[in-house]
Structure formats: structure tokens, C-alpha cells
């Protein structure tokens, strides 16, 4: 989507879904379910876990 399409989708639905803490393999099924439910704008956040060095 380009910028004006995203803005239009937000205006039409009034929804931006935020998906957080989802395993990578679960993102597509979640996005499909949200789309089927009428959600057209989705933000997926990722948390990079840094392994601390052990001394």
C-alpha cells in the first residue's frame, strides 16, 4: 500500500491492529484472520532479544 491508500483504509475502518509478541510463523495466519474480520491496516512489532555475554 502507498501512503494515501493506508490513510484511506484507516479512515474507512477506524482500526489499526497492533500485533506484538507473536511468533514469526504465526504472523501470516493472524494477519489473515484480522483481514477476514475487516482490519486493513496492521502493524507488527518485533522484540529483538539480545543474549547477554556470560563471563
PDB file of N, CA and C in Angstrom:
ATOM      1  N   UNK A   1       0.843  -1.193   0.000  1.00  0.00           N
ATOM      2  CA  UNK A   1       0.000   0.000   0.000  1.00  0.00           C
ATOM      3  C   UNK A   1       0.879   1.245   0.000  1.00  0.00           C
ATOM      4  N   UNK A   2       0.388   2.239  -0.676  1.00  0.00           N
ATOM      5  CA  UNK A   2       1.095   3.512  -0.618  1.00  0.00           C
ATOM      6  C   UNK A   2       0.384   4.413   0.391  1.00  0.00           C
ATOM      7  N   UNK A   3       1.046   5.491   0.740  1.00  0.00           N
ATOM      8  CA  UNK A   3       0.615   6.336   1.852  1.00  0.00           C
ATOM      9  C   UNK A   3      -0.870   6.707   1.799  1.00  0.00           C
ATOM     10  N   UNK A   4      -1.352   7.192   0.680  1.00  0.00           N
ATOM     11  CA  UNK A   4      -2.760   7.638   0.641  1.00  0.00           C
ATOM     12  C   UNK A   4      -3.718   6.452   0.771  1.00  0.00           C
ATOM     13  N   UNK A   5      -3.315   5.269   0.322  1.00  0.00           N
ATOM     14  CA  UNK A   5      -4.158   4.080   0.490  1.00  0.00           C
ATOM     15  C   UNK A   5      -4.244   3.672   1.958  1.00  0.00           C
ATOM     16  N   UNK A   6      -3.119   3.783   2.661  1.00  0.00           N
ATOM     17  CA  UNK A   6      -3.104   3.459   4.093  1.00  0.00           C
ATOM     18  C   UNK A   6      -4.000   4.425   4.852  1.00  0.00           C
ATOM     19  N   UNK A   7      -3.860   5.705   4.560  1.00  0.00           N
ATOM     20  CA  UNK A   7      -4.691   6.718   5.227  1.00  0.00           C
ATOM     21  C   UNK A   7      -6.166   6.464   4.945  1.00  0.00           C
ATOM     22  N   UNK A   8      -6.497   6.145   3.715  1.00  0.00           N
ATOM     23  CA  UNK A   8      -7.888   5.864   3.358  1.00  0.00           C
ATOM     24  C   UNK A   8      -8.403   4.634   4.124  1.00  0.00           C
ATOM     25  N   UNK A   9      -7.604   3.581   4.205  1.00  0.00           N
ATOM     26  CA  UNK A   9      -8.018   2.369   4.926  1.00  0.00           C
ATOM     27  C   UNK A   9      -8.249   2.659   6.399  1.00  0.00           C
ATOM     28  N   UNK A  10      -7.403   3.485   6.998  1.00  0.00           N
ATOM     29  CA  UNK A  10      -7.582   3.859   8.408  1.00  0.00           C
ATOM     30  C   UNK A  10      -8.862   4.670   8.576  1.00  0.00           C
ATOM     31  N   UNK A  11      -9.098   5.609   7.668  1.00  0.00           N
ATOM     32  CA  UNK A  11     -10.314   6.425   7.744  1.00  0.00           C
ATOM     33  C   UNK A  11     -11.570   5.568   7.559  1.00  0.00           C
ATOM     34  N   UNK A  12     -11.513   4.614   6.655  1.00  0.00           N
ATOM     35  CA  UNK A  12     -12.669   3.761   6.377  1.00  0.00           C
ATOM     36  C   UNK A  12     -13.020   2.842   7.550  1.00  0.00           C
ATOM     37  N   UNK A  13     -12.012   2.227   8.149  1.00  0.00           N
ATOM     38  CA  UNK A  13     -12.270   1.235   9.195  1.00  0.00           C
ATOM     39  C   UNK A  13     -12.129   1.790  10.601  1.00  0.00           C
ATOM     40  N   UNK A  14     -11.290   2.814  10.766  1.00  0.00           N
ATOM     41  CA  UNK A  14     -11.038   3.370  12.099  1.00  0.00           C
ATOM     42  C   UNK A  14     -10.196   2.444  12.963  1.00  0.00           C
ATOM     43  N   UNK A  15      -9.500   1.502  12.318  1.00  0.00           N
ATOM     44  CA  UNK A  15      -8.752   0.492  13.075  1.00  0.00           C
ATOM     45  C   UNK A  15      -7.335   0.363  12.545  1.00  0.00           C
ATOM     46  N   UNK A  16      -6.384   0.300  13.478  1.00  0.00           N
ATOM     47  CA  UNK A  16      -5.019  -0.141  13.186  1.00  0.00           C
ATOM     48  C   UNK A  16      -4.728  -1.241  14.190  1.00  0.00           C
ATOM     49  N   UNK A  17      -4.550  -2.455  13.714  1.00  0.00           N
ATOM     50  CA  UNK A  17      -4.250  -3.572  14.614  1.00  0.00           C
ATOM     51  C   UNK A  17      -2.757  -3.583  14.906  1.00  0.00           C
ATOM     52  N   UNK A  18      -2.403  -3.750  16.172  1.00  0.00           N
ATOM     53  CA  UNK A  18      -1.012  -3.868  16.581  1.00  0.00           C
ATOM     54  C   UNK A  18      -0.802  -5.306  17.038  1.00  0.00           C
ATOM     55  N   UNK A  19       0.098  -5.992  16.373  1.00  0.00           N
ATOM     56  CA  UNK A  19       0.393  -7.387  16.710  1.00  0.00           C
ATOM     57  C   UNK A  19       1.768  -7.411  17.361  1.00  0.00           C
ATOM     58  N   UNK A  20       1.807  -7.899  18.583  1.00  0.00           N
ATOM     59  CA  UNK A  20       3.064  -7.894  19.337  1.00  0.00           C
ATOM     60  C   UNK A  20       3.214  -9.216  20.066  1.00  0.00           C
ATOM     61  N   UNK A  21       4.424  -9.703  20.139  1.00  0.00           N
ATOM     62  CA  UNK A  21       4.685 -10.928  20.884  1.00  0.00           C
ATOM     63  C   UNK A  21       4.239 -12.186  20.150  1.00  0.00           C
ATOM     64  N   UNK A  22       4.065 -12.065  18.852  1.00  0.00           N
ATOM     65  CA  UNK A  22       3.625 -13.204  18.053  1.00  0.00           C
ATOM     66  C   UNK A  22       4.842 -13.874  17.426  1.00  0.00           C
ATOM     67  N   UNK A  23       4.836 -15.186  17.408  1.00  0.00           N
ATOM     68  CA  UNK A  23       5.930 -15.923  16.778  1.00  0.00           C
ATOM     69  C   UNK A  23       5.889 -15.653  15.276  1.00  0.00           C
ATOM     70  N   UNK A  24       7.068 -15.610  14.637  1.00  0.00           N
ATOM     71  CA  UNK A  24       7.098 -15.311  13.196  1.00  0.00           C
ATOM     72  C   UNK A  24       6.175 -16.198  12.365  1.00  0.00           C
ATOM     73  N   UNK A  25       6.100 -17.471  12.693  1.00  0.00           N
ATOM     74  CA  UNK A  25       5.257 -18.383  11.920  1.00  0.00           C
ATOM     75  C   UNK A  25       3.762 -18.157  12.141  1.00  0.00           C
ATOM     76  N   UNK A  26       3.413 -17.361  13.133  1.00  0.00           N
ATOM     77  CA  UNK A  26       2.010 -17.080  13.425  1.00  0.00           C
ATOM     78  C   UNK A  26       1.519 -15.778  12.801  1.00  0.00           C
ATOM     79  N   UNK A  27       2.431 -14.950  12.303  1.00  0.00           N
ATOM     80  CA  UNK A  27       2.045 -13.621  11.818  1.00  0.00           C
ATOM     81  C   UNK A  27       1.084 -13.697  10.638  1.00  0.00           C
ATOM     82  N   UNK A  28       1.378 -14.531   9.648  1.00  0.00           N
ATOM     83  CA  UNK A  28       0.514 -14.610   8.463  1.00  0.00           C
ATOM     84  C   UNK A  28      -0.886 -15.105   8.829  1.00  0.00           C
ATOM     85  N   UNK A  29      -1.029 -16.182   9.607  1.00  0.00           N
ATOM     86  CA  UNK A  29      -2.389 -16.593   9.989  1.00  0.00           C
ATOM     87  C   UNK A  29      -3.133 -15.514  10.788  1.00  0.00           C
ATOM     88  N   UNK A  30      -2.431 -14.805  11.655  1.00  0.00           N
ATOM     89  CA  UNK A  30      -3.066 -13.727  12.420  1.00  0.00           C
ATOM     90  C   UNK A  30      -3.505 -12.612  11.472  1.00  0.00           C
ATOM     91  N   UNK A  31      -2.632 -12.238  10.540  1.00  0.00           N
ATOM     92  CA  UNK A  31      -2.973 -11.179   9.579  1.00  0.00           C
ATOM     93  C   UNK A  31      -4.172 -11.579   8.728  1.00  0.00           C
ATOM     94  N   UNK A  32      -4.225 -12.831   8.305  1.00  0.00           N
ATOM     95  CA  UNK A  32      -5.375 -13.298   7.509  1.00  0.00           C
ATOM     96  C   UNK A  32      -6.666 -13.235   8.317  1.00  0.00           C
ATOM     97  N   UNK A  33      -6.600 -13.640   9.572  1.00  0.00           N
ATOM     98  CA  UNK A  33      -7.790 -13.598  10.424  1.00  0.00           C
ATOM     99  C   UNK A  33      -8.252 -12.160  10.641  1.00  0.00           C
ATOM    100  N   UNK A  34      -7.307 -11.255  10.860  1.00  0.00           N
ATOM    101  CA  UNK A  34      -7.667  -9.847  11.025  1.00  0.00           C
ATOM    102  C   UNK A  34      -8.289  -9.297   9.740  1.00  0.00           C
ATOM    103  N   UNK A  35      -7.707  -9.642   8.605  1.00  0.00           N
ATOM    104  CA  UNK A  35      -8.249  -9.189   7.316  1.00  0.00           C
ATOM    105  C   UNK A  35      -9.667  -9.713   7.114  1.00  0.00           C
ATOM    106  N   UNK A  36      -9.862 -10.989   7.416  1.00  0.00           N
ATOM    107  CA  UNK A  36     -11.195 -11.578   7.299  1.00  0.00           C
ATOM    108  C   UNK A  36     -12.196 -10.882   8.207  1.00  0.00           C
ATOM    109  N   UNK A  37     -11.694 -10.335   9.317  1.00  0.00           N
ATOM    110  CA  UNK A  37     -12.549  -9.604  10.252  1.00  0.00           C
ATOM    111  C   UNK A  37     -12.718  -8.134   9.904  1.00  0.00           C
ATOM    112  N   UNK A  38     -12.122  -7.686   8.795  1.00  0.00           N
ATOM    113  CA  UNK A  38     -12.321  -6.308   8.356  1.00  0.00           C
ATOM    114  C   UNK A  38     -11.167  -5.362   8.607  1.00  0.00           C
ATOM    115  N   UNK A  39     -10.117  -5.841   9.240  1.00  0.00           N
ATOM    116  CA  UNK A  39      -8.961  -4.982   9.513  1.00  0.00           C
ATOM    117  C   UNK A  39      -8.128  -4.874   8.245  1.00  0.00           C
ATOM    118  N   UNK A  40      -7.773  -3.640   7.880  1.00  0.00           N
ATOM    119  CA  UNK A  40      -6.995  -3.434   6.661  1.00  0.00           C
ATOM    120  C   UNK A  40      -5.608  -2.858   6.918  1.00  0.00           C
ATOM    121  N   UNK A  41      -5.361  -2.411   8.145  1.00  0.00           N
ATOM    122  CA  UNK A  41      -4.051  -1.852   8.481  1.00  0.00           C
ATOM    123  C   UNK A  41      -3.519  -2.594   9.695  1.00  0.00           C
ATOM    124  N   UNK A  42      -2.286  -3.063   9.572  1.00  0.00           N
ATOM    125  CA  UNK A  42      -1.684  -3.911  10.588  1.00  0.00           C
ATOM    126  C   UNK A  42      -0.250  -3.474  10.822  1.00  0.00           C
ATOM    127  N   UNK A  43       0.108  -3.353  12.090  1.00  0.00           N
ATOM    128  CA  UNK A  43       1.499  -3.092  12.459  1.00  0.00           C
ATOM    129  C   UNK A  43       1.993  -4.302  13.231  1.00  0.00           C
ATOM    130  N   UNK A  44       3.127  -4.829  12.824  1.00  0.00           N
ATOM    131  CA  UNK A  44       3.733  -5.963  13.525  1.00  0.00           C
ATOM    132  C   UNK A  44       5.001  -5.460  14.188  1.00  0.00           C
ATOM    133  N   UNK A  45       5.077  -5.614  15.496  1.00  0.00           N
ATOM    134  CA  UNK A  45       6.276  -5.202  16.223  1.00  0.00           C
ATOM    135  C   UNK A  45       7.077  -6.434  16.591  1.00  0.00           C
ATOM    136  N   UNK A  46       8.375  -6.276  16.562  1.00  0.00           N
ATOM    137  CA  UNK A  46       9.271  -7.368  16.908  1.00  0.00           C
ATOM    138  C   UNK A  46      10.166  -6.912  18.045  1.00  0.00           C
ATOM    139  N   UNK A  47      10.432  -7.808  18.945  1.00  0.00           N
ATOM    140  CA  UNK A  47      11.352  -7.513  20.032  1.00  0.00           C
ATOM    141  C   UNK A  47      12.580  -8.392  19.845  1.00  0.00           C
ATOM    142  N   UNK A  48      13.683  -7.736  19.614  1.00  0.00           N
ATOM    143  CA  UNK A  48      14.933  -8.464  19.449  1.00  0.00           C
ATOM    144  C   UNK A  48      15.480  -8.787  20.829  1.00  0.00           C
ATOM    145  N   UNK A  49      15.688 -10.052  21.086  1.00  0.00           N
ATOM    146  CA  UNK A  49      16.219 -10.472  22.378  1.00  0.00           C
ATOM    147  C   UNK A  49      17.726 -10.618  22.233  1.00  0.00           C
ATOM    148  N   UNK A  50      18.432  -9.845  23.006  1.00  0.00           N
ATOM    149  CA  UNK A  50      19.890  -9.881  22.961  1.00  0.00           C
ATOM    150  C   UNK A  50      20.385 -10.809  24.054  1.00  0.00           C
ATOM    151  N   UNK A  51      21.160 -11.762  23.664  1.00  0.00           N
ATOM    152  CA  UNK A  51      21.732 -12.673  24.639  1.00  0.00           C
ATOM    153  C   UNK A  51      22.923 -11.996  25.298  1.00  0.00           C
ATOM    154  N   UNK A  52      22.884 -11.901  26.612  1.00  0.00           N
ATOM    155  CA  UNK A  52      23.994 -11.258  27.306  1.00  0.00           C
ATOM    156  C   UNK A  52      25.186 -12.211  27.371  1.00  0.00           C
ATOM    157  N   UNK A  53      26.359 -11.655  27.297  1.00  0.00           N
ATOM    158  CA  UNK A  53      27.578 -12.475  27.358  1.00  0.00           C
ATOM    159  C   UNK A  53      27.754 -13.029  28.758  1.00  0.00           C
ATOM    160  N   UNK A  54      28.120 -14.258  28.798  1.00  0.00           N
ATOM    161  CA  UNK A  54      28.377 -14.892  30.106  1.00  0.00           C
ATOM    162  C   UNK A  54      29.875 -14.873  30.358  1.00  0.00           C
ATOM    163  N   UNK A  55      30.285 -14.443  31.552  1.00  0.00           N
ATOM    164  CA  UNK A  55      31.698 -14.376  31.899  1.00  0.00           C
ATOM    165  C   UNK A  55      32.023 -15.371  32.960  1.00  0.00           C
TER     166      UNK A  55
END
